Amino acid sequence: VCTDNEGNLYMFSLASAEGSNMPDITLKKATYSEMLDFEFLNQGSVFCTTGFRPNPHDTIYDTLLPPNSCAVMREDIGGNIILALHDLQQLLIFNSKTPGLKIFDIRMKKLFDQFLNSDFMCAACLNADEDTLVTGHPEGTIKIWNVGIGFTERATYSAFEGQKERVKQVLVSQENALFACSTTGTVKLMKAYIQCIQLL
């Protein structure tokens, strides 16, 4: 999924014919703001976008609907990262106006109080079971949180200690291996345990 400066939204399929560079779905003027992140809410036809500019926005699209009515929900929360708790049908929206996490319940159309009131988070991911949240921070640290009421912090690890590198991306594999990369291109592989993180 990608957008351009004119607000057009494009979806490409990795299964498309080799050599094809045409999008499978094009939604003209689908977005009215810059898209900073997106998250699929099902197997590939429903997804949500988030961004700040020119105004905070979060939009859920159903690409099985006609293009002029595929935006099925719009909110004005805004953020730089968005994740989904699929079983709970909740969106995790990061850094909306102030650093932290806000939870939006899709079914109830309700925004919950802000959690994780900490420094700015520049990366985030969930494990496969969606019971553990990993966040990356500008000073090179990684934090692990228990997903649930209050989002309690489980561990903090200085992934790029001494290098002062911003964490660019984090990813947890099916085997609970934690990958982290920085803005300078450094990639580290770690192992996430219940109580701590250990560098392999």
C-alpha atoms as a PDB file:
ATOM      1  CA  VAL A   1       0.000   0.000   0.000  1.00  0.00           C
ATOM      2  CA  CYS A   2       1.342   3.452  -0.872  1.00  0.00           C
ATOM      3  CA  THR A   3       0.132   6.976  -1.524  1.00  0.00           C
ATOM      4  CA  ASP A   4       1.392   9.919  -3.545  1.00  0.00           C
ATOM      5  CA  ASN A   5       1.420  13.669  -2.937  1.00  0.00           C
ATOM      6  CA  GLU A   6      -1.947  14.060  -4.659  1.00  0.00           C
ATOM      7  CA  GLY A   7      -3.752  11.784  -2.207  1.00  0.00           C
ATOM      8  CA  ASN A   8      -4.089   8.793  -4.543  1.00  0.00           C
ATOM      9  CA  LEU A   9      -3.776   5.396  -2.883  1.00  0.00           C
ATOM     10  CA  TYR A  10      -2.347   2.306  -4.579  1.00  0.00           C
ATOM     11  CA  MET A  11      -2.293  -1.377  -3.643  1.00  0.00           C
ATOM     12  CA  PHE A  12       0.216  -3.732  -5.246  1.00  0.00           C
ATOM     13  CA  SER A  13       0.176  -7.531  -5.038  1.00  0.00           C
ATOM     14  CA  LEU A  14       3.402  -9.485  -4.647  1.00  0.00           C
ATOM     15  CA  ALA A  15       1.688 -12.270  -6.598  1.00  0.00           C
ATOM     16  CA  SER A  16       1.214 -10.107  -9.688  1.00  0.00           C
ATOM     17  CA  ALA A  17       2.709 -11.208 -12.990  1.00  0.00           C
ATOM     18  CA  GLU A  18       6.465 -10.884 -13.164  1.00  0.00           C
ATOM     19  CA  GLY A  19       7.550  -7.573 -14.616  1.00  0.00           C
ATOM     20  CA  SER A  20       4.211  -5.897 -13.907  1.00  0.00           C
ATOM     21  CA  ASN A  21       4.515  -2.540 -12.177  1.00  0.00           C
ATOM     22  CA  MET A  22       0.844  -1.611 -12.284  1.00  0.00           C
ATOM     23  CA  PRO A  23      -1.150  -1.452  -9.037  1.00  0.00           C
ATOM     24  CA  ASP A  24      -3.929  -3.980  -8.493  1.00  0.00           C
ATOM     25  CA  ILE A  25      -6.145  -1.308  -6.927  1.00  0.00           C
ATOM     26  CA  THR A  26      -6.058   2.467  -7.419  1.00  0.00           C
ATOM     27  CA  LEU A  27      -8.170   4.812  -5.292  1.00  0.00           C
ATOM     28  CA  LYS A  28      -8.139   8.330  -6.702  1.00  0.00           C
ATOM     29  CA  LYS A  29      -8.064  11.137  -4.136  1.00  0.00           C
ATOM     30  CA  ALA A  30      -8.638   8.551  -1.402  1.00  0.00           C
ATOM     31  CA  THR A  31      -6.580  10.336   1.239  1.00  0.00           C
ATOM     32  CA  TYR A  32      -6.680  13.955   2.283  1.00  0.00           C
ATOM     33  CA  SER A  33      -3.535  13.851   4.409  1.00  0.00           C
ATOM     34  CA  GLU A  34      -0.059  12.393   4.390  1.00  0.00           C
ATOM     35  CA  MET A  35      -0.029   8.682   5.269  1.00  0.00           C
ATOM     36  CA  LEU A  36       2.720   7.720   7.739  1.00  0.00           C
ATOM     37  CA  ASP A  37       1.755   4.101   8.402  1.00  0.00           C
ATOM     38  CA  PHE A  38      -0.897   1.489   7.631  1.00  0.00           C
ATOM     39  CA  GLU A  39      -2.087  -1.843   9.030  1.00  0.00           C
ATOM     40  CA  PHE A  40      -4.173  -4.614   7.479  1.00  0.00           C
ATOM     41  CA  LEU A  41      -7.224  -5.541   9.539  1.00  0.00           C
ATOM     42  CA  ASN A  42      -8.009  -8.791   7.694  1.00  0.00           C
ATOM     43  CA  GLN A  43      -6.384 -10.939   5.002  1.00  0.00           C
ATOM     44  CA  GLY A  44      -5.759  -8.031   2.662  1.00  0.00           C
ATOM     45  CA  SER A  45      -8.895  -6.132   1.666  1.00  0.00           C
ATOM     46  CA  VAL A  46      -9.447  -3.961   4.780  1.00  0.00           C
ATOM     47  CA  PHE A  47      -6.724  -1.723   6.157  1.00  0.00           C
ATOM     48  CA  CYS A  48      -6.278   1.438   8.207  1.00  0.00           C
ATOM     49  CA  THR A  49      -3.956   4.398   7.608  1.00  0.00           C
ATOM     50  CA  THR A  50      -2.714   7.080   9.987  1.00  0.00           C
ATOM     51  CA  GLY A  51      -0.912  10.416   9.683  1.00  0.00           C
ATOM     52  CA  PHE A  52      -0.622  14.023  10.854  1.00  0.00           C
ATOM     53  CA  ARG A  53      -0.594  16.353   7.870  1.00  0.00           C
ATOM     54  CA  PRO A  54      -2.284  18.617   7.238  1.00  0.00           C
ATOM     55  CA  ASN A  55      -4.531  17.382  10.073  1.00  0.00           C
ATOM     56  CA  PRO A  56      -4.492  14.266  12.300  1.00  0.00           C
ATOM     57  CA  HIS A  57      -6.313  11.449  10.545  1.00  0.00           C
ATOM     58  CA  ASP A  58      -7.029   7.719  10.706  1.00  0.00           C
ATOM     59  CA  THR A  59      -9.023   6.066   7.931  1.00  0.00           C
ATOM     60  CA  ILE A  60     -10.273   2.491   7.490  1.00  0.00           C
ATOM     61  CA  TYR A  61     -10.674   1.347   3.882  1.00  0.00           C
ATOM     62  CA  ASP A  62     -12.588  -1.646   2.525  1.00  0.00           C
ATOM     63  CA  THR A  63     -11.257  -2.197  -0.985  1.00  0.00           C
ATOM     64  CA  LEU A  64     -14.105  -4.591  -1.862  1.00  0.00           C
ATOM     65  CA  LEU A  65     -16.451  -1.607  -1.896  1.00  0.00           C
ATOM     66  CA  PRO A  66     -16.715   0.864  -4.801  1.00  0.00           C
ATOM     67  CA  PRO A  67     -13.844   3.383  -4.835  1.00  0.00           C
ATOM     68  CA  ASN A  68     -16.080   6.337  -3.967  1.00  0.00           C
ATOM     69  CA  SER A  69     -17.333   4.644  -0.787  1.00  0.00           C
ATOM     70  CA  CYS A  70     -14.421   2.465   0.313  1.00  0.00           C
ATOM     71  CA  ALA A  71     -13.451   4.780   3.217  1.00  0.00           C
ATOM     72  CA  VAL A  72     -15.745   3.217   5.809  1.00  0.00           C
ATOM     73  CA  MET A  73     -14.497   5.052   8.910  1.00  0.00           C
ATOM     74  CA  ARG A  74     -12.576   8.258   9.593  1.00  0.00           C
ATOM     75  CA  GLU A  75     -11.212   9.533  12.891  1.00  0.00           C
ATOM     76  CA  ASP A  76      -9.041  12.536  13.778  1.00  0.00           C
ATOM     77  CA  ILE A  77      -6.565  10.911  16.196  1.00  0.00           C
ATOM     78  CA  GLY A  78      -3.465  10.780  14.001  1.00  0.00           C
ATOM     79  CA  GLY A  79      -0.102   9.208  14.699  1.00  0.00           C
ATOM     80  CA  ASN A  80       3.119   7.991  13.171  1.00  0.00           C
ATOM     81  CA  ILE A  81       2.623   4.249  13.816  1.00  0.00           C
ATOM     82  CA  ILE A  82      -0.514   2.103  13.791  1.00  0.00           C
ATOM     83  CA  LEU A  83      -0.946  -1.537  14.859  1.00  0.00           C
ATOM     84  CA  ALA A  84      -4.016  -3.740  15.285  1.00  0.00           C
ATOM     85  CA  LEU A  85      -5.147  -6.124  18.000  1.00  0.00           C
ATOM     86  CA  HIS A  86      -7.179  -8.237  15.600  1.00  0.00           C
ATOM     87  CA  ASP A  87      -9.117 -10.398  18.067  1.00  0.00           C
ATOM     88  CA  LEU A  88     -10.154  -7.354  20.098  1.00  0.00           C
ATOM     89  CA  GLN A  89     -10.741  -5.231  16.981  1.00  0.00           C
ATOM     90  CA  GLN A  90      -8.693  -2.412  18.457  1.00  0.00           C
ATOM     91  CA  LEU A  91      -6.168  -0.048  16.902  1.00  0.00           C
ATOM     92  CA  LEU A  92      -2.963   0.968  18.680  1.00  0.00           C
ATOM     93  CA  ILE A  93      -2.072   4.500  17.567  1.00  0.00           C
ATOM     94  CA  PHE A  94       1.300   5.906  18.598  1.00  0.00           C
ATOM     95  CA  ASN A  95       2.430   9.498  19.175  1.00  0.00           C
ATOM     96  CA  SER A  96      -0.864  11.256  18.597  1.00  0.00           C
ATOM     97  CA  LYS A  97      -0.152  14.926  19.370  1.00  0.00           C
ATOM     98  CA  THR A  98       1.917  13.850  22.418  1.00  0.00           C
ATOM     99  CA  PRO A  99       4.274  10.851  22.832  1.00  0.00           C
ATOM    100  CA  GLY A 100       2.494   7.699  23.946  1.00  0.00           C
ATOM    101  CA  LEU A 101      -0.101   5.158  22.865  1.00  0.00           C
ATOM    102  CA  LYS A 102      -3.832   5.568  22.343  1.00  0.00           C
ATOM    103  CA  ILE A 103      -6.250   2.688  21.834  1.00  0.00           C
ATOM    104  CA  PHE A 104      -9.230   2.986  19.523  1.00  0.00           C
ATOM    105  CA  ASP A 105     -11.971   0.337  19.677  1.00  0.00           C
ATOM    106  CA  ILE A 106     -13.364  -0.140  16.165  1.00  0.00           C
ATOM    107  CA  ARG A 107     -16.618  -1.794  17.241  1.00  0.00           C
ATOM    108  CA  MET A 108     -17.422   0.765  19.934  1.00  0.00           C
ATOM    109  CA  LYS A 109     -15.911   3.684  17.973  1.00  0.00           C
ATOM    110  CA  LYS A 110     -14.371   4.747  21.247  1.00  0.00           C
ATOM    111  CA  LEU A 111     -10.950   6.209  22.053  1.00  0.00           C
ATOM    112  CA  PHE A 112      -9.479   4.992  25.337  1.00  0.00           C
ATOM    113  CA  ASP A 113      -7.139   6.907  27.606  1.00  0.00           C
ATOM    114  CA  GLN A 114      -3.513   7.279  26.628  1.00  0.00           C
ATOM    115  CA  PHE A 115      -1.053   4.600  27.713  1.00  0.00           C
ATOM    116  CA  LEU A 116       2.744   4.395  27.655  1.00  0.00           C
ATOM    117  CA  ASN A 117       3.294   8.024  28.552  1.00  0.00           C
ATOM    118  CA  SER A 118       6.982   8.045  27.735  1.00  0.00           C
ATOM    119  CA  ASP A 119       9.351   9.437  25.163  1.00  0.00           C
ATOM    120  CA  PHE A 120       8.651   9.448  21.457  1.00  0.00           C
ATOM    121  CA  MET A 121       8.364   5.981  19.901  1.00  0.00           C
ATOM    122  CA  CYS A 122       9.831   5.654  16.423  1.00  0.00           C
ATOM    123  CA  ALA A 123       9.097   1.924  15.918  1.00  0.00           C
ATOM    124  CA  ALA A 124       6.647  -0.654  17.272  1.00  0.00           C
ATOM    125  CA  CYS A 125       5.464  -4.194  16.631  1.00  0.00           C
ATOM    126  CA  LEU A 126       3.431  -6.992  18.196  1.00  0.00           C
ATOM    127  CA  ASN A 127       4.353 -10.658  18.484  1.00  0.00           C
ATOM    128  CA  ALA A 128       2.257 -13.302  16.705  1.00  0.00           C
ATOM    129  CA  ASP A 129       0.064 -13.920  19.769  1.00  0.00           C
ATOM    130  CA  GLU A 130      -0.507 -10.154  20.168  1.00  0.00           C
ATOM    131  CA  ASP A 131       0.246 -10.373  23.896  1.00  0.00           C
ATOM    132  CA  THR A 132       3.613  -8.594  23.734  1.00  0.00           C
ATOM    133  CA  LEU A 133       4.376  -5.133  22.386  1.00  0.00           C
ATOM    134  CA  VAL A 134       7.894  -4.022  21.436  1.00  0.00           C
ATOM    135  CA  THR A 135       8.736  -0.332  20.986  1.00  0.00           C
ATOM    136  CA  GLY A 136      11.874   1.369  19.669  1.00  0.00           C
ATOM    137  CA  HIS A 137      13.051   4.786  20.855  1.00  0.00           C
ATOM    138  CA  PRO A 138      15.216   7.643  19.542  1.00  0.00           C
ATOM    139  CA  GLU A 139      18.081   7.037  21.986  1.00  0.00           C
ATOM    140  CA  GLY A 140      18.563   3.468  20.743  1.00  0.00           C
ATOM    141  CA  THR A 141      16.610   1.617  23.426  1.00  0.00           C
ATOM    142  CA  ILE A 142      13.988  -1.091  22.991  1.00  0.00           C
ATOM    143  CA  LYS A 143      11.175  -1.651  25.471  1.00  0.00           C
ATOM    144  CA  ILE A 144       8.971  -4.716  25.883  1.00  0.00           C
ATOM    145  CA  TRP A 145       5.437  -4.358  27.230  1.00  0.00           C
ATOM    146  CA  ASN A 146       2.717  -6.756  28.336  1.00  0.00           C
ATOM    147  CA  VAL A 147      -0.372  -6.132  26.240  1.00  0.00           C
ATOM    148  CA  GLY A 148      -3.436  -5.645  28.392  1.00  0.00           C
ATOM    149  CA  ILE A 149      -4.896  -3.244  30.894  1.00  0.00           C
ATOM    150  CA  GLY A 150      -2.269  -0.601  31.556  1.00  0.00           C
ATOM    151  CA  PHE A 151       0.380  -2.044  29.207  1.00  0.00           C
ATOM    152  CA  THR A 152       2.940  -2.818  31.914  1.00  0.00           C
ATOM    153  CA  GLU A 153       6.611  -2.537  30.991  1.00  0.00           C
ATOM    154  CA  ARG A 154       8.438  -5.882  31.092  1.00  0.00           C
ATOM    155  CA  ALA A 155      11.999  -4.970  30.105  1.00  0.00           C
ATOM    156  CA  THR A 156      14.225  -2.254  28.619  1.00  0.00           C
ATOM    157  CA  TYR A 157      17.259  -2.977  26.507  1.00  0.00           C
ATOM    158  CA  SER A 158      19.879  -0.655  25.009  1.00  0.00           C
ATOM    159  CA  ALA A 159      20.025  -2.177  21.545  1.00  0.00           C
ATOM    160  CA  PHE A 160      22.469   0.384  20.201  1.00  0.00           C
ATOM    161  CA  GLU A 161      24.165   1.457  23.416  1.00  0.00           C
ATOM    162  CA  GLY A 162      26.933   3.990  22.964  1.00  0.00           C
ATOM    163  CA  GLN A 163      26.102   4.552  19.328  1.00  0.00           C
ATOM    164  CA  LYS A 164      23.196   6.942  19.903  1.00  0.00           C
ATOM    165  CA  GLU A 165      21.359   5.486  16.942  1.00  0.00           C
ATOM    166  CA  ARG A 166      17.625   5.929  16.574  1.00  0.00           C
ATOM    167  CA  VAL A 167      15.721   2.648  16.374  1.00  0.00           C
ATOM    168  CA  LYS A 168      14.196   2.562  12.903  1.00  0.00           C
ATOM    169  CA  GLN A 169      12.283  -0.734  12.942  1.00  0.00           C
ATOM    170  CA  VAL A 170      11.563  -3.697  15.224  1.00  0.00           C
ATOM    171  CA  LEU A 171      10.156  -7.101  14.322  1.00  0.00           C
ATOM    172  CA  VAL A 172       9.314 -10.245  16.308  1.00  0.00           C
ATOM    173  CA  SER A 173       9.443 -13.530  14.378  1.00  0.00           C
ATOM    174  CA  GLN A 174       7.224 -16.573  14.894  1.00  0.00           C
ATOM    175  CA  GLU A 175      10.021 -18.058  17.043  1.00  0.00           C
ATOM    176  CA  ASN A 176      10.099 -14.919  19.251  1.00  0.00           C
ATOM    177  CA  ALA A 177      13.398 -13.739  17.820  1.00  0.00           C
ATOM    178  CA  LEU A 178      13.549  -9.956  18.027  1.00  0.00           C
ATOM    179  CA  PHE A 179      15.156  -8.005  15.197  1.00  0.00           C
ATOM    180  CA  ALA A 180      16.042  -4.317  15.465  1.00  0.00           C
ATOM    181  CA  CYS A 181      17.607  -1.953  12.973  1.00  0.00           C
ATOM    182  CA  SER A 182      18.846   1.612  13.341  1.00  0.00           C
ATOM    183  CA  THR A 183      18.881   4.682  11.142  1.00  0.00           C
ATOM    184  CA  THR A 184      22.520   3.978  10.215  1.00  0.00           C
ATOM    185  CA  GLY A 185      21.674   0.541   8.817  1.00  0.00           C
ATOM    186  CA  THR A 186      22.851  -1.521  11.783  1.00  0.00           C
ATOM    187  CA  VAL A 187      20.762  -4.670  12.286  1.00  0.00           C
ATOM    188  CA  LYS A 188      20.753  -6.712  15.487  1.00  0.00           C
ATOM    189  CA  LEU A 189      19.147 -10.040  16.274  1.00  0.00           C
ATOM    190  CA  MET A 190      17.983 -10.648  19.818  1.00  0.00           C
ATOM    191  CA  LYS A 191      16.015 -13.314  21.637  1.00  0.00           C
ATOM    192  CA  ALA A 192      12.940 -12.225  23.577  1.00  0.00           C
ATOM    193  CA  TYR A 193      12.226 -14.137  26.772  1.00  0.00           C
ATOM    194  CA  ILE A 194       9.389 -13.667  29.239  1.00  0.00           C
ATOM    195  CA  GLN A 195      11.437 -11.658  31.719  1.00  0.00           C
ATOM    196  CA  CYS A 196      14.366 -10.274  29.740  1.00  0.00           C
ATOM    197  CA  ILE A 197      16.055  -9.804  26.386  1.00  0.00           C
ATOM    198  CA  GLN A 198      19.370 -11.445  25.700  1.00  0.00           C
ATOM    199  CA  LEU A 199      21.685 -10.528  22.839  1.00  0.00           C
ATOM    200  CA  LEU A 200      22.505 -13.594  20.751  1.00  0.00           C
END
